[in-house]
Amino acid sequence: MTRKKVNDPEDLLSRNLIIRVTENTYNQLEELRKDSKNLSIAAVARKILSGQKINLYHHDVSLNPVMEELALIRKELKAIGVNINQITRSFNQDRTGTSRAYWNCNSILEVFLLSDYFF
């Protein structure tokens, strides 16, 4: 994978730096690379040398079932929304008004039955 082209010559990485590290230091750099989603150990070393922040990411495995459940709920809500849109479209496209009258009668009856006026 090639590097991105840099327009500013000051940002160009033009000097090589070869260093030796102990196995322990190498393992620490490797762990930082894995947790930070950097592509290479050299990128981690460059960030450390330049004093830039290294963002570490942590994946909590205990949240996997919760995330799966939330994904299913989201899918169901989307399906409900699609159904509501289809019903609304059908209701608004009715030219004769028969289904509108049916829905109006049902809603009036439902309000009447749920109200305190029912003896």
C-alpha atoms as a PDB file:
ATOM      1  CA  MET A   1       0.000   0.000   0.000  1.00  0.00           C
ATOM      2  CA  THR A   2       1.474   3.338  -1.012  1.00  0.00           C
ATOM      3  CA  ARG A   3       1.527   6.532   0.975  1.00  0.00           C
ATOM      4  CA  LYS A   4      -0.698   9.471   0.152  1.00  0.00           C
ATOM      5  CA  LYS A   5       0.869  12.168  -1.986  1.00  0.00           C
ATOM      6  CA  VAL A   6       1.917  15.192   0.050  1.00  0.00           C
ATOM      7  CA  ASN A   7       1.713  18.675  -1.441  1.00  0.00           C
ATOM      8  CA  ASP A   8       3.714  20.419   1.273  1.00  0.00           C
ATOM      9  CA  PRO A   9       7.441  19.487   1.117  1.00  0.00           C
ATOM     10  CA  GLU A  10       7.794  19.983   4.881  1.00  0.00           C
ATOM     11  CA  ASP A  11       5.306  17.168   5.518  1.00  0.00           C
ATOM     12  CA  LEU A  12       7.165  14.754   3.257  1.00  0.00           C
ATOM     13  CA  LEU A  13       8.876  11.903   5.100  1.00  0.00           C
ATOM     14  CA  SER A  14      12.241  12.102   3.402  1.00  0.00           C
ATOM     15  CA  ARG A  15      14.699  10.803   6.034  1.00  0.00           C
ATOM     16  CA  ASN A  16      15.155   7.207   7.121  1.00  0.00           C
ATOM     17  CA  LEU A  17      15.710   6.374  10.755  1.00  0.00           C
ATOM     18  CA  ILE A  18      16.803   2.871  11.653  1.00  0.00           C
ATOM     19  CA  ILE A  19      16.671   1.930  15.324  1.00  0.00           C
ATOM     20  CA  ARG A  20      17.051  -1.218  17.351  1.00  0.00           C
ATOM     21  CA  VAL A  21      14.790  -2.006  20.272  1.00  0.00           C
ATOM     22  CA  THR A  22      14.553  -4.797  22.798  1.00  0.00           C
ATOM     23  CA  GLU A  23      12.006  -7.559  22.478  1.00  0.00           C
ATOM     24  CA  ASN A  24      10.020  -6.075  25.360  1.00  0.00           C
ATOM     25  CA  THR A  25       9.867  -2.632  23.699  1.00  0.00           C
ATOM     26  CA  TYR A  26       8.921  -4.211  20.395  1.00  0.00           C
ATOM     27  CA  ASN A  27       6.072  -6.106  22.077  1.00  0.00           C
ATOM     28  CA  GLN A  28       4.846  -2.877  23.687  1.00  0.00           C
ATOM     29  CA  LEU A  29       4.887  -1.123  20.313  1.00  0.00           C
ATOM     30  CA  GLU A  30       3.046  -4.058  18.752  1.00  0.00           C
ATOM     31  CA  GLU A  31       0.342  -3.878  21.433  1.00  0.00           C
ATOM     32  CA  LEU A  32      -0.023  -0.139  20.834  1.00  0.00           C
ATOM     33  CA  ARG A  33      -0.313  -0.801  17.106  1.00  0.00           C
ATOM     34  CA  LYS A  34      -3.062  -3.379  17.613  1.00  0.00           C
ATOM     35  CA  ASP A  35      -5.049  -1.196  20.006  1.00  0.00           C
ATOM     36  CA  SER A  36      -4.650   1.996  17.984  1.00  0.00           C
ATOM     37  CA  LYS A  37      -5.650   0.621  14.582  1.00  0.00           C
ATOM     38  CA  ASN A  38      -2.422   1.947  13.050  1.00  0.00           C
ATOM     39  CA  LEU A  39      -1.092   0.153  10.017  1.00  0.00           C
ATOM     40  CA  SER A  40       2.469  -0.349  11.181  1.00  0.00           C
ATOM     41  CA  ILE A  41       4.810  -0.140  14.119  1.00  0.00           C
ATOM     42  CA  ALA A  42       6.663   2.611  12.260  1.00  0.00           C
ATOM     43  CA  ALA A  43       3.501   4.746  12.304  1.00  0.00           C
ATOM     44  CA  VAL A  44       3.228   4.239  16.065  1.00  0.00           C
ATOM     45  CA  ALA A  45       6.900   5.133  16.526  1.00  0.00           C
ATOM     46  CA  ARG A  46       6.472   8.281  14.394  1.00  0.00           C
ATOM     47  CA  LYS A  47       3.533   9.382  16.517  1.00  0.00           C
ATOM     48  CA  ILE A  48       5.492   8.783  19.718  1.00  0.00           C
ATOM     49  CA  LEU A  49       8.538  10.674  18.415  1.00  0.00           C
ATOM     50  CA  SER A  50       6.478  13.605  17.169  1.00  0.00           C
ATOM     51  CA  GLY A  51       4.448  13.787  20.384  1.00  0.00           C
ATOM     52  CA  GLN A  52       1.108  13.171  18.686  1.00  0.00           C
ATOM     53  CA  LYS A  53      -1.757  11.475  20.459  1.00  0.00           C
ATOM     54  CA  ILE A  54      -2.328   7.795  19.861  1.00  0.00           C
ATOM     55  CA  ASN A  55      -6.004   6.890  20.058  1.00  0.00           C
ATOM     56  CA  LEU A  56      -6.508   3.487  21.628  1.00  0.00           C
ATOM     57  CA  TYR A  57      -9.669   1.521  20.870  1.00  0.00           C
ATOM     58  CA  HIS A  58     -11.165  -1.097  23.147  1.00  0.00           C
ATOM     59  CA  HIS A  59     -13.842  -3.559  22.071  1.00  0.00           C
ATOM     60  CA  ASP A  60     -15.994  -4.716  24.980  1.00  0.00           C
ATOM     61  CA  VAL A  61     -17.053  -8.272  24.200  1.00  0.00           C
ATOM     62  CA  SER A  62     -19.735  -8.240  26.893  1.00  0.00           C
ATOM     63  CA  LEU A  63     -21.733  -5.729  24.812  1.00  0.00           C
ATOM     64  CA  ASN A  64     -22.027  -8.041  21.789  1.00  0.00           C
ATOM     65  CA  PRO A  65     -25.424  -9.532  22.780  1.00  0.00           C
ATOM     66  CA  VAL A  66     -26.772  -6.069  23.576  1.00  0.00           C
ATOM     67  CA  MET A  67     -25.611  -4.706  20.230  1.00  0.00           C
ATOM     68  CA  GLU A  68     -27.178  -7.648  18.390  1.00  0.00           C
ATOM     69  CA  GLU A  69     -30.468  -7.067  20.189  1.00  0.00           C
ATOM     70  CA  LEU A  70     -30.364  -3.355  19.379  1.00  0.00           C
ATOM     71  CA  ALA A  71     -29.729  -4.189  15.726  1.00  0.00           C
ATOM     72  CA  LEU A  72     -32.798  -6.453  15.691  1.00  0.00           C
ATOM     73  CA  ILE A  73     -34.919  -3.767  17.359  1.00  0.00           C
ATOM     74  CA  ARG A  74     -33.733  -1.230  14.810  1.00  0.00           C
ATOM     75  CA  LYS A  75     -34.657  -3.603  11.993  1.00  0.00           C
ATOM     76  CA  GLU A  76     -38.140  -4.114  13.446  1.00  0.00           C
ATOM     77  CA  LEU A  77     -38.663  -0.366  13.875  1.00  0.00           C
ATOM     78  CA  LYS A  78     -37.670   0.177  10.266  1.00  0.00           C
ATOM     79  CA  ALA A  79     -40.184  -2.459   9.132  1.00  0.00           C
ATOM     80  CA  ILE A  80     -42.911  -0.811  11.227  1.00  0.00           C
ATOM     81  CA  GLY A  81     -42.068   2.560   9.693  1.00  0.00           C
ATOM     82  CA  VAL A  82     -42.277   1.111   6.186  1.00  0.00           C
ATOM     83  CA  ASN A  83     -45.680  -0.392   6.987  1.00  0.00           C
ATOM     84  CA  ILE A  84     -46.958   2.919   8.351  1.00  0.00           C
ATOM     85  CA  ASN A  85     -45.732   4.706   5.230  1.00  0.00           C
ATOM     86  CA  GLN A  86     -47.490   2.178   2.994  1.00  0.00           C
ATOM     87  CA  ILE A  87     -50.766   2.523   4.903  1.00  0.00           C
ATOM     88  CA  THR A  88     -50.541   6.319   4.835  1.00  0.00           C
ATOM     89  CA  ARG A  89     -49.808   6.349   1.122  1.00  0.00           C
ATOM     90  CA  SER A  90     -52.715   4.026   0.408  1.00  0.00           C
ATOM     91  CA  PHE A  91     -54.988   6.132   2.590  1.00  0.00           C
ATOM     92  CA  ASN A  92     -53.989   9.386   0.885  1.00  0.00           C
ATOM     93  CA  GLN A  93     -54.221   7.952  -2.647  1.00  0.00           C
ATOM     94  CA  ASP A  94     -57.792   6.736  -2.228  1.00  0.00           C
ATOM     95  CA  ARG A  95     -59.854   8.753  -4.713  1.00  0.00           C
ATOM     96  CA  THR A  96     -63.292   7.534  -3.722  1.00  0.00           C
ATOM     97  CA  GLY A  97     -63.001   8.229  -0.027  1.00  0.00           C
ATOM     98  CA  THR A  98     -64.536   4.914   1.032  1.00  0.00           C
ATOM     99  CA  SER A  99     -61.554   3.802   3.046  1.00  0.00           C
ATOM    100  CA  ARG A 100     -61.250   7.257   4.600  1.00  0.00           C
ATOM    101  CA  ALA A 101     -64.852   7.071   5.721  1.00  0.00           C
ATOM    102  CA  TYR A 102     -64.226   3.582   7.115  1.00  0.00           C
ATOM    103  CA  TRP A 103     -61.190   4.762   9.083  1.00  0.00           C
ATOM    104  CA  ASN A 104     -63.024   7.847  10.347  1.00  0.00           C
ATOM    105  CA  CYS A 105     -65.970   5.759  11.564  1.00  0.00           C
ATOM    106  CA  ASN A 106     -63.682   3.297  13.304  1.00  0.00           C
ATOM    107  CA  SER A 107     -61.668   6.016  15.019  1.00  0.00           C
ATOM    108  CA  ILE A 108     -64.828   7.812  16.205  1.00  0.00           C
ATOM    109  CA  LEU A 109     -66.243   4.539  17.519  1.00  0.00           C
ATOM    110  CA  GLU A 110     -62.974   3.733  19.276  1.00  0.00           C
ATOM    111  CA  VAL A 111     -62.828   7.150  20.937  1.00  0.00           C
ATOM    112  CA  PHE A 112     -66.436   6.805  22.013  1.00  0.00           C
ATOM    113  CA  LEU A 113     -65.891   3.354  23.514  1.00  0.00           C
ATOM    114  CA  LEU A 114     -62.765   4.428  25.385  1.00  0.00           C
ATOM    115  CA  SER A 115     -64.283   7.613  26.760  1.00  0.00           C
ATOM    116  CA  ASP A 116     -66.205   8.122  30.003  1.00  0.00           C
ATOM    117  CA  TYR A 117     -69.424   8.838  28.107  1.00  0.00           C
ATOM    118  CA  PHE A 118     -70.097   5.163  27.557  1.00  0.00           C
ATOM    119  CA  PHE A 119     -72.835   3.942  29.930  1.00  0.00           C
END
